[in-house]
Amino acid sequence: MARFKQFHDPELSIWQAAVGEVEAQRSVGAQTLDVGAPIVVTGRPDDLDDMSSEAIAYCNQVDTGTPIAQATAGHPATEGLLQTAGFCSLTALKIAKAKLLGNATALEQYKNELAKFGDCDPKYAEAAAKYAEYFVAQQKQIPYIPYKNLSDFVIDGKFPAQAKIAIVGDWGTGQETAKLVLRQIMNKNPDVVIHLGDIYYAGTQFEVTSYFLQLWQQVLNLGPNFDRIPTFTLTGNHDMYSGGAPYYQLIKQLGQPASYFCLRNANWQFVAMDTGYNDHNPSAAGAGATYLQDPEVTWLADKVNNAGARNTVLLSHHQLFTAYDSIANKEINLRLYTQVSPFLPKVALWIWGHEHDFVPYDSYQNLKRSCCLGHGAFPVGMDELPKDPKYADVPVIKDASGKNMRLGITDGQYNHGYAIIEIDGAAGKVSYYQDSDEDTPMLTQSLT
């Protein structure tokens, strides 16, 4: 069986979402919450089933540009799952596209091809129909919520002067690790919990309900109205791949006013940005160089520049810069940097996700502190992250031995984790934990 894998491509992600939903609905764990309600599941398996594994094989071939054998009959010479070389997914997607184009002749041809190939599960045709549904949704305008007044989306009174704010990124996998990380957060009795975005694979209604909302409500004991403690979730690119409507329904259920907001008390403000809107279609956003809507920049600058005595923590899904990856072939997102650079010296800390890694940064580009916190739940093998920085000038904080701080490894995979920000009046500190040790933080920094 294949391990969970995602792709920075809306069409591939929608296909993974369609296949995964069809598989989950027929699984033993499928259950309805109410009569007539959509089928949801209690979580995604750690070892993916056959259809999802084969879909990953197909997506990987497309993503890497590897040719896919387009046999239309007969069984491959070798045995096992992956020798189908993506054929089942390829043919099912042909069915979906023929359906979208209204080509009845091609639709019948590809259905016959799929039926002739004995290793292809009949439910691929069902997945093709689901893909067509989500593909149409992805073409619609994202229901982004603009502000009317600069005072909009400012949230007061949700946490006291002495409080704990928990932050986790890229958490929406629905797997056991996600549940473990959230239980560890729950054990720390936070006053607020904030997710930095990405519900995999494409933020469909099924995924939002099954792999985020259900688990979020249950583990954090939020109650029937989701309001025992305030919780929020930002927009990641994967949340937007199916058109964004399920995400906006989700934040409505959480009581969150928009995809960007300012959560504050007398001494602190946590200002969340929407970097997902302009990465819902990577080819249009310039290979990952996402940015903010211009009116949102005005709103954001107002919050930071008029913070008064408050300390500011910025939150986003996407990174401003990176040491180990690249953004449009550079270490810094120049388009986003141009928008935020005027007020970066006024920011105490910026936390982002997107990269499935933990990388705390020292002062850089007039930003005092920042951290990549994208290791909330997504499984990453020990050979999948670079050992050495791609951009050595981007200052990663050192560990006790003088080396760049890196996550530990358990059973061949990098550990997962989260941040806890503790505030006490005007004082504040952030502690970063990995799930292998919920008592001892990897790093603690003063924010004042």
Protein backbone atom coordinates (compact mmCIF):
# COMPACT_ATOMS: atom_id res chain seq x y z
CA MET A 1 0.00 0.00 0.00
CA ALA A 2 1.13 3.56 -0.68
CA ARG A 3 1.75 6.23 1.93
CA PHE A 4 -0.25 9.45 1.91
CA LYS A 5 1.12 11.89 -0.67
CA GLN A 6 -0.04 15.25 -2.00
CA PHE A 7 0.64 17.20 -5.18
CA HIS A 8 0.72 20.94 -5.79
CA ASP A 9 -1.72 20.62 -8.66
CA PRO A 10 -5.50 21.19 -8.37
CA GLU A 11 -6.54 18.58 -10.95
CA LEU A 12 -4.41 15.84 -9.41
CA SER A 13 -5.57 16.78 -5.91
CA ILE A 14 -9.23 16.73 -6.98
CA TRP A 15 -8.71 13.27 -8.47
CA GLN A 16 -7.13 12.02 -5.24
CA ALA A 17 -10.05 13.51 -3.30
CA ALA A 18 -12.63 11.81 -5.56
CA VAL A 19 -10.95 8.41 -5.34
CA GLY A 20 -10.42 8.70 -1.60
CA GLU A 21 -14.03 9.63 -0.99
CA VAL A 22 -15.38 6.70 -3.01
CA GLU A 23 -13.08 4.31 -1.14
CA ALA A 24 -13.97 5.74 2.25
CA GLN A 25 -17.69 5.54 1.62
CA ARG A 26 -17.52 1.81 1.03
CA SER A 27 -15.18 1.15 3.95
CA VAL A 28 -16.21 -0.53 7.18
CA GLY A 29 -15.69 2.74 9.04
CA ALA A 30 -18.18 4.69 6.96
CA GLN A 31 -21.14 5.97 8.93
CA THR A 32 -23.83 8.62 8.73
CA LEU A 33 -24.32 11.20 11.43
CA ASP A 34 -28.03 11.77 10.72
CA VAL A 35 -30.60 10.31 8.39
CA GLY A 36 -30.01 11.84 4.97
CA ALA A 37 -26.67 13.37 6.02
CA PRO A 38 -23.55 12.89 3.89
CA ILE A 39 -21.47 9.81 4.68
CA VAL A 40 -18.45 10.66 6.80
CA VAL A 41 -15.68 8.55 8.29
CA THR A 42 -13.80 8.54 11.56
CA GLY A 43 -10.46 9.17 9.88
CA ARG A 44 -8.23 8.31 6.98
CA PRO A 45 -6.23 5.05 7.21
CA ASP A 46 -2.47 5.33 7.62
CA ASP A 47 -1.99 2.69 4.90
CA LEU A 48 -4.04 3.72 1.89
CA ASP A 49 -6.28 1.29 0.04
CA ASP A 50 -5.76 -0.01 -3.49
CA MET A 51 -7.58 2.70 -5.42
CA SER A 52 -5.90 5.53 -3.53
CA SER A 53 -2.51 3.86 -3.96
CA GLU A 54 -3.05 3.47 -7.68
CA ALA A 55 -4.24 7.09 -7.93
CA ILE A 56 -1.03 8.22 -6.22
CA ALA A 57 0.98 6.17 -8.74
CA TYR A 58 -0.84 7.90 -11.58
CA CYS A 59 -0.47 11.38 -10.05
CA ASN A 60 3.20 10.80 -9.41
CA GLN A 61 3.75 9.88 -13.05
CA VAL A 62 1.93 12.97 -14.26
CA ASP A 63 3.74 15.18 -11.74
CA THR A 64 7.16 13.89 -12.79
CA GLY A 65 6.37 13.75 -16.51
CA THR A 66 6.77 9.97 -16.71
CA PRO A 67 4.89 8.47 -19.70
CA ILE A 68 1.85 6.38 -18.80
CA ALA A 69 1.29 3.15 -20.73
CA GLN A 70 -2.12 3.52 -22.34
CA ALA A 71 -2.96 -0.16 -22.84
CA THR A 72 -6.66 -0.64 -23.52
CA ALA A 73 -6.99 -4.38 -23.11
CA GLY A 74 -5.13 -7.37 -21.78
CA HIS A 75 -3.40 -7.78 -18.48
CA PRO A 76 0.11 -6.43 -17.81
CA ALA A 77 2.83 -9.04 -17.86
CA THR A 78 3.86 -8.43 -14.26
CA GLU A 79 1.80 -8.81 -11.13
CA GLY A 80 0.86 -6.53 -8.27
CA LEU A 81 -0.76 -3.13 -7.90
CA LEU A 82 1.53 -0.57 -9.43
CA GLN A 83 2.23 -2.37 -12.72
CA THR A 84 -1.09 -0.94 -13.88
CA ALA A 85 1.09 2.18 -14.29
CA GLY A 86 -1.81 4.50 -13.61
CA PHE A 87 -4.00 2.93 -16.29
CA CYS A 88 -7.11 2.72 -14.13
CA SER A 89 -6.79 6.35 -13.05
CA LEU A 90 -5.96 7.46 -16.57
CA THR A 91 -8.99 5.77 -18.09
CA ALA A 92 -11.33 6.90 -15.32
CA LEU A 93 -10.19 10.47 -15.88
CA LYS A 94 -10.92 10.07 -19.58
CA ILE A 95 -14.44 9.08 -18.54
CA ALA A 96 -14.69 12.19 -16.37
CA LYS A 97 -13.49 14.51 -19.12
CA ALA A 98 -15.80 12.93 -21.71
CA LYS A 99 -18.63 13.50 -19.23
CA LEU A 100 -17.60 17.14 -18.74
CA LEU A 101 -17.46 17.67 -22.52
CA GLY A 102 -20.75 15.88 -23.11
CA ASN A 103 -19.07 13.42 -25.51
CA ALA A 104 -21.34 10.36 -25.25
CA THR A 105 -19.34 8.28 -27.78
CA ALA A 106 -16.04 8.76 -25.96
CA LEU A 107 -17.77 8.20 -22.62
CA GLU A 108 -19.03 4.80 -23.69
CA GLN A 109 -15.65 3.87 -25.23
CA TYR A 110 -13.72 4.63 -22.06
CA LYS A 111 -16.26 2.88 -19.84
CA ASN A 112 -15.77 -0.23 -21.97
CA GLU A 113 -11.98 0.09 -21.68
CA LEU A 114 -12.21 0.34 -17.90
CA ALA A 115 -14.50 -2.70 -17.73
CA LYS A 116 -12.20 -4.80 -19.92
CA PHE A 117 -9.22 -4.29 -17.63
CA GLY A 118 -9.89 -6.73 -14.81
CA ASP A 119 -7.67 -5.09 -12.19
CA CYS A 120 -9.60 -1.81 -12.29
CA ASP A 121 -12.15 -1.52 -9.51
CA PRO A 122 -15.65 -0.79 -10.89
CA LYS A 123 -15.85 2.12 -8.46
CA TYR A 124 -13.38 4.04 -10.63
CA ALA A 125 -16.38 5.02 -12.75
CA GLU A 126 -18.02 6.39 -9.59
CA ALA A 127 -14.82 8.29 -8.80
CA ALA A 128 -14.86 9.73 -12.32
CA ALA A 129 -18.35 11.13 -11.69
CA LYS A 130 -17.23 12.59 -8.38
CA TYR A 131 -14.17 14.14 -10.06
CA ALA A 132 -16.38 15.79 -12.68
CA GLU A 133 -18.53 17.26 -9.90
CA TYR A 134 -15.52 18.68 -8.06
CA PHE A 135 -13.84 19.88 -11.24
CA VAL A 136 -16.90 21.98 -12.05
CA ALA A 137 -16.89 23.38 -8.51
CA GLN A 138 -13.21 24.27 -8.84
CA GLN A 139 -13.99 26.52 -11.81
CA LYS A 140 -16.34 28.69 -9.78
CA GLN A 141 -15.36 31.92 -8.09
CA ILE A 142 -13.98 31.36 -4.59
CA PRO A 143 -16.45 32.94 -2.11
CA TYR A 144 -13.80 35.22 -0.59
CA ILE A 145 -15.26 37.63 2.00
CA PRO A 146 -14.06 41.23 1.56
CA TYR A 147 -14.20 43.71 4.41
CA LYS A 148 -16.48 46.74 4.25
CA ASN A 149 -14.83 48.69 7.04
CA LEU A 150 -11.26 48.47 8.33
CA SER A 151 -12.69 47.49 11.71
CA ASP A 152 -14.23 44.33 10.25
CA PHE A 153 -12.97 40.88 11.31
CA VAL A 154 -11.43 42.20 14.54
CA ILE A 155 -12.21 39.76 17.36
CA ASP A 156 -11.94 40.92 20.97
CA GLY A 157 -12.62 39.16 24.23
CA LYS A 158 -11.81 35.59 23.19
CA PHE A 159 -8.78 35.09 25.45
CA PRO A 160 -7.68 36.61 28.78
CA ALA A 161 -4.54 38.55 29.66
CA GLN A 162 -2.88 35.30 30.73
CA ALA A 163 -3.50 32.72 28.04
CA LYS A 164 -2.20 29.89 25.84
CA ILE A 165 -2.62 30.00 22.08
CA ALA A 166 -1.94 26.71 20.26
CA ILE A 167 -0.92 26.77 16.60
CA VAL A 168 -0.67 23.79 14.24
CA GLY A 169 -0.08 23.70 10.49
CA ASP A 170 -0.99 21.36 7.63
CA TRP A 171 -2.99 19.22 10.02
CA GLY A 172 -5.95 18.09 7.90
CA THR A 173 -4.89 14.56 6.95
CA GLY A 174 -7.44 12.74 9.13
CA GLN A 175 -4.82 10.15 10.09
CA GLU A 176 -3.82 8.84 13.51
CA THR A 177 -0.90 11.24 13.80
CA ALA A 178 -3.26 14.19 13.39
CA LYS A 179 -5.39 12.88 16.24
CA LEU A 180 -2.31 12.37 18.44
CA VAL A 181 -1.02 15.89 17.83
CA LEU A 182 -4.42 17.41 18.63
CA ARG A 183 -4.69 15.33 21.82
CA GLN A 184 -1.30 16.68 22.91
CA ILE A 185 -2.50 20.21 22.23
CA MET A 186 -5.68 19.49 24.21
CA ASN A 187 -3.55 18.27 27.13
CA LYS A 188 -2.02 21.75 27.38
CA ASN A 189 -5.42 23.36 28.00
CA PRO A 190 -5.19 26.08 25.34
CA ASP A 191 -7.47 29.11 25.38
CA VAL A 192 -7.41 29.30 21.56
CA VAL A 193 -6.40 26.85 18.81
CA ILE A 194 -5.45 28.04 15.32
CA HIS A 195 -4.85 25.85 12.26
CA LEU A 196 -2.61 27.31 9.52
CA GLY A 197 -4.49 25.58 6.70
CA ASP A 198 -4.56 22.61 4.30
CA ILE A 199 -7.24 19.93 4.48
CA TYR A 200 -6.19 17.21 2.08
CA TYR A 201 -6.46 16.55 -0.74
CA ALA A 202 -8.67 19.30 -2.14
CA GLY A 203 -10.81 20.70 0.68
CA THR A 204 -13.96 18.94 -0.52
CA GLN A 205 -17.02 18.88 1.71
CA PHE A 206 -16.39 15.22 2.51
CA GLU A 207 -12.77 15.91 3.46
CA VAL A 208 -13.58 19.03 5.48
CA THR A 209 -16.21 17.11 7.47
CA SER A 210 -14.39 13.77 7.81
CA TYR A 211 -10.76 14.80 8.12
CA PHE A 212 -11.09 18.10 9.94
CA LEU A 213 -14.37 19.16 11.53
CA GLN A 214 -15.40 15.85 13.13
CA LEU A 215 -11.96 15.21 14.65
CA TRP A 216 -11.48 18.87 15.58
CA GLN A 217 -14.78 18.93 17.45
CA GLN A 218 -14.30 15.59 19.19
CA VAL A 219 -10.66 15.83 20.30
CA LEU A 220 -10.87 19.47 21.40
CA ASN A 221 -14.25 18.79 23.03
CA LEU A 222 -15.71 21.88 21.38
CA GLY A 223 -19.32 21.00 22.10
CA PRO A 224 -22.27 20.91 19.68
CA ASN A 225 -21.85 24.59 18.74
CA PHE A 226 -18.05 24.39 18.34
CA ASP A 227 -17.64 27.14 20.92
CA ARG A 228 -16.20 25.66 24.12
CA ILE A 229 -12.96 27.36 23.13
CA PRO A 230 -12.40 29.62 20.11
CA THR A 231 -10.81 27.81 17.16
CA PHE A 232 -9.85 29.10 13.73
CA THR A 233 -8.46 27.79 10.46
CA LEU A 234 -6.61 29.67 7.71
CA THR A 235 -6.77 29.08 3.97
CA GLY A 236 -4.17 26.74 2.53
CA ASN A 237 -3.87 26.05 -1.18
CA HIS A 238 -5.41 22.58 -0.79
CA ASP A 239 -8.45 24.12 0.92
CA MET A 240 -9.14 26.10 -2.25
CA TYR A 241 -8.61 23.36 -4.87
CA SER A 242 -12.27 22.31 -4.88
CA GLY A 243 -13.52 25.88 -5.15
CA GLY A 244 -13.37 26.98 -1.52
CA ALA A 245 -17.10 26.69 -0.67
CA PRO A 246 -16.58 23.87 1.90
CA TYR A 247 -13.87 25.94 3.62
CA TYR A 248 -16.18 28.93 3.96
CA GLN A 249 -18.93 26.71 5.31
CA LEU A 250 -16.40 25.36 7.82
CA ILE A 251 -15.36 28.75 9.17
CA LYS A 252 -19.01 29.72 9.48
CA GLN A 253 -19.52 26.68 11.72
CA LEU A 254 -16.47 27.68 13.78
CA GLY A 255 -17.76 31.23 14.18
CA GLN A 256 -14.85 32.71 12.21
CA PRO A 257 -15.83 35.86 10.29
CA ALA A 258 -13.60 35.53 7.21
CA SER A 259 -10.46 33.88 5.85
CA TYR A 260 -8.39 36.66 7.47
CA PHE A 261 -8.96 38.15 10.91
CA CYS A 262 -7.39 39.88 13.91
CA LEU A 263 -7.74 38.11 17.26
CA ARG A 264 -6.65 40.39 20.11
CA ASN A 265 -6.68 41.45 23.72
CA ALA A 266 -5.20 44.58 25.34
CA ASN A 267 -1.57 43.46 24.88
CA TRP A 268 -1.45 41.03 21.94
CA GLN A 269 -2.91 40.54 18.51
CA PHE A 270 -2.78 37.50 16.25
CA VAL A 271 -3.30 38.65 12.68
CA ALA A 272 -4.18 35.92 10.18
CA MET A 273 -3.75 36.39 6.42
CA ASP A 274 -5.30 34.67 3.41
CA THR A 275 -2.46 33.47 1.19
CA GLY A 276 -4.48 30.53 -0.14
CA TYR A 277 -6.81 32.49 -2.42
CA ASN A 278 -4.08 33.23 -4.97
CA ASP A 279 -2.65 29.70 -4.87
CA HIS A 280 -5.86 27.83 -5.71
CA ASN A 281 -4.43 27.38 -9.21
CA PRO A 282 -0.61 27.24 -9.03
CA SER A 283 -0.09 27.86 -12.76
CA ALA A 284 -1.94 31.15 -12.41
CA ALA A 285 -0.14 32.13 -9.21
CA GLY A 286 3.36 31.83 -10.64
CA ALA A 287 4.80 28.56 -9.37
CA GLY A 288 4.01 29.16 -5.73
CA ALA A 289 4.61 32.93 -5.52
CA THR A 290 1.27 33.63 -3.90
CA TYR A 291 0.18 37.02 -2.61
CA LEU A 292 -2.59 38.88 -0.80
CA GLN A 293 -5.60 40.60 -2.33
CA ASP A 294 -4.82 44.34 -2.53
CA PRO A 295 -7.68 45.40 -0.21
CA GLU A 296 -6.50 42.83 2.31
CA VAL A 297 -3.04 44.44 2.30
CA THR A 298 -4.68 47.72 3.31
CA TRP A 299 -6.62 45.93 6.07
CA LEU A 300 -3.46 44.14 7.28
CA ALA A 301 -1.32 47.30 7.31
CA ASP A 302 -4.00 49.03 9.38
CA LYS A 303 -3.87 46.27 12.00
CA VAL A 304 -0.09 46.26 12.33
CA ASN A 305 0.50 49.99 12.05
CA ASN A 306 -2.28 50.82 14.51
CA ALA A 307 -1.53 48.09 17.03
CA GLY A 308 -0.71 50.68 19.70
CA ALA A 309 0.85 48.92 22.69
CA ARG A 310 -0.09 45.48 21.36
CA ASN A 311 2.55 42.99 20.20
CA THR A 312 1.76 41.47 16.80
CA VAL A 313 2.01 37.83 15.75
CA LEU A 314 1.39 37.22 12.03
CA LEU A 315 -0.05 33.93 10.79
CA SER A 316 -0.32 32.56 7.26
CA HIS A 317 -0.34 29.30 5.40
CA HIS A 318 2.41 30.19 2.92
CA GLN A 319 5.98 31.06 3.75
CA LEU A 320 7.56 34.46 3.22
CA PHE A 321 10.97 32.89 2.70
CA THR A 322 12.63 29.51 2.95
CA ALA A 323 16.04 27.95 3.56
CA TYR A 324 15.29 24.43 2.28
CA ASP A 325 12.76 24.89 -0.53
CA SER A 326 12.23 27.59 -3.16
CA ILE A 327 9.52 30.07 -4.08
CA ALA A 328 9.36 30.81 -7.81
CA ASN A 329 13.05 29.77 -7.95
CA LYS A 330 14.07 32.15 -5.15
CA GLU A 331 14.46 31.97 -1.40
CA ILE A 332 11.91 34.74 -0.84
CA ASN A 333 8.42 35.40 -2.15
CA LEU A 334 9.17 38.80 -3.64
CA ARG A 335 5.55 39.54 -4.49
CA LEU A 336 4.36 38.91 -0.94
CA TYR A 337 7.43 40.63 0.54
CA THR A 338 6.66 43.81 -1.37
CA GLN A 339 3.20 43.85 0.18
CA VAL A 340 4.28 43.30 3.80
CA SER A 341 7.81 44.70 4.04
CA PRO A 342 6.83 48.21 5.27
CA PHE A 343 5.55 46.90 8.60
CA LEU A 344 7.72 43.80 9.23
CA PRO A 345 9.90 45.57 11.86
CA LYS A 346 6.75 45.95 14.01
CA VAL A 347 6.07 42.18 14.07
CA ALA A 348 7.19 40.07 17.04
CA LEU A 349 6.77 36.71 15.24
CA TRP A 350 5.42 35.30 11.97
CA ILE A 351 4.43 31.62 11.85
CA TRP A 352 3.58 29.87 8.57
CA GLY A 353 3.13 26.34 7.22
CA HIS A 354 2.98 24.96 3.66
CA GLU A 355 6.37 23.22 3.76
CA HIS A 356 5.89 20.02 5.77
CA ASP A 357 8.79 20.84 8.03
CA PHE A 358 9.79 22.63 11.22
CA VAL A 359 12.29 25.42 10.57
CA PRO A 360 12.73 28.25 13.12
CA TYR A 361 14.41 31.32 11.66
CA ASP A 362 16.50 34.06 13.20
CA SER A 363 16.16 37.72 12.23
CA TYR A 364 15.90 38.11 8.43
CA GLN A 365 14.51 40.73 6.05
CA ASN A 366 13.64 43.04 8.99
CA LEU A 367 11.53 40.30 10.56
CA LYS A 368 12.72 39.56 14.12
CA ARG A 369 11.50 35.96 14.34
CA SER A 370 9.70 33.52 12.12
CA CYS A 371 9.03 29.83 11.89
CA CYS A 372 7.88 27.28 9.35
CA LEU A 373 5.38 25.11 11.26
CA GLY A 374 4.08 22.81 8.53
CA HIS A 375 4.71 19.51 10.32
CA GLY A 376 1.33 19.16 12.03
CA ALA A 377 0.41 15.77 10.60
CA PHE A 378 1.54 15.22 7.02
CA PRO A 379 3.75 12.08 6.78
CA VAL A 380 7.28 12.80 5.55
CA GLY A 381 9.90 10.08 5.14
CA MET A 382 13.42 10.54 6.46
CA ASP A 383 14.82 10.80 2.92
CA GLU A 384 12.22 13.30 1.68
CA LEU A 385 13.58 16.48 3.28
CA PRO A 386 16.90 18.02 2.23
CA LYS A 387 19.67 17.67 4.78
CA ASP A 388 21.39 20.92 3.85
CA PRO A 389 19.84 24.32 3.14
CA LYS A 390 19.32 25.33 -0.46
CA TYR A 391 19.77 28.96 0.61
CA ALA A 392 22.46 29.09 3.27
CA ASP A 393 22.07 32.84 3.81
CA VAL A 394 18.60 32.39 5.28
CA PRO A 395 19.42 32.09 9.02
CA VAL A 396 18.07 28.90 10.60
CA ILE A 397 18.29 28.82 14.41
CA LYS A 398 20.97 26.48 15.71
CA ASP A 399 20.58 23.64 18.20
CA ALA A 400 22.84 22.98 21.20
CA SER A 401 25.48 21.38 18.97
CA GLY A 402 25.66 24.39 16.67
CA LYS A 403 23.83 22.74 13.77
CA ASN A 404 20.66 23.96 12.10
CA MET A 405 17.70 22.86 14.20
CA ARG A 406 15.88 19.91 12.60
CA LEU A 407 13.06 17.56 13.56
CA GLY A 408 13.74 14.17 15.06
CA ILE A 409 12.89 10.93 13.27
CA THR A 410 10.71 8.07 14.53
CA ASP A 411 10.24 4.80 12.61
CA GLY A 412 11.71 6.30 9.45
CA GLN A 413 9.50 9.41 9.41
CA TYR A 414 10.01 12.93 10.67
CA ASN A 415 8.18 13.81 13.86
CA HIS A 416 5.14 16.08 13.87
CA GLY A 417 4.44 18.99 16.13
CA TYR A 418 2.90 22.34 17.04
CA ALA A 419 3.55 25.63 18.84
CA ILE A 420 2.22 26.97 22.14
CA ILE A 421 2.36 30.73 22.67
CA GLU A 422 1.97 31.76 26.30
CA ILE A 423 1.13 35.35 27.09
CA ASP A 424 1.00 37.06 30.46
CA GLY A 425 0.05 40.69 30.15
CA ALA A 426 2.62 42.26 27.83
CA ALA A 427 5.05 39.35 28.24
CA GLY A 428 5.06 36.39 25.88
CA LYS A 429 6.97 33.31 24.81
CA VAL A 430 6.62 30.61 22.18
CA SER A 431 7.49 26.94 22.68
CA TYR A 432 7.78 24.45 19.83
CA TYR A 433 6.98 20.79 20.52
CA GLN A 434 7.34 17.58 18.55
CA ASP A 435 4.96 14.70 19.16
CA SER A 436 7.74 12.38 20.33
CA ASP A 437 7.99 14.43 23.54
CA GLU A 438 5.00 16.52 24.57
CA ASP A 439 6.62 17.63 27.83
CA THR A 440 9.92 19.11 26.63
CA PRO A 441 9.89 21.75 23.87
CA MET A 442 12.49 21.65 21.11
CA LEU A 443 12.86 25.43 21.37
CA THR A 444 11.46 28.23 23.53
CA GLN A 445 11.81 31.92 22.62
CA SER A 446 10.82 35.10 24.39
CA LEU A 447 8.66 37.33 22.20
CA THR A 448 9.26 40.57 24.08
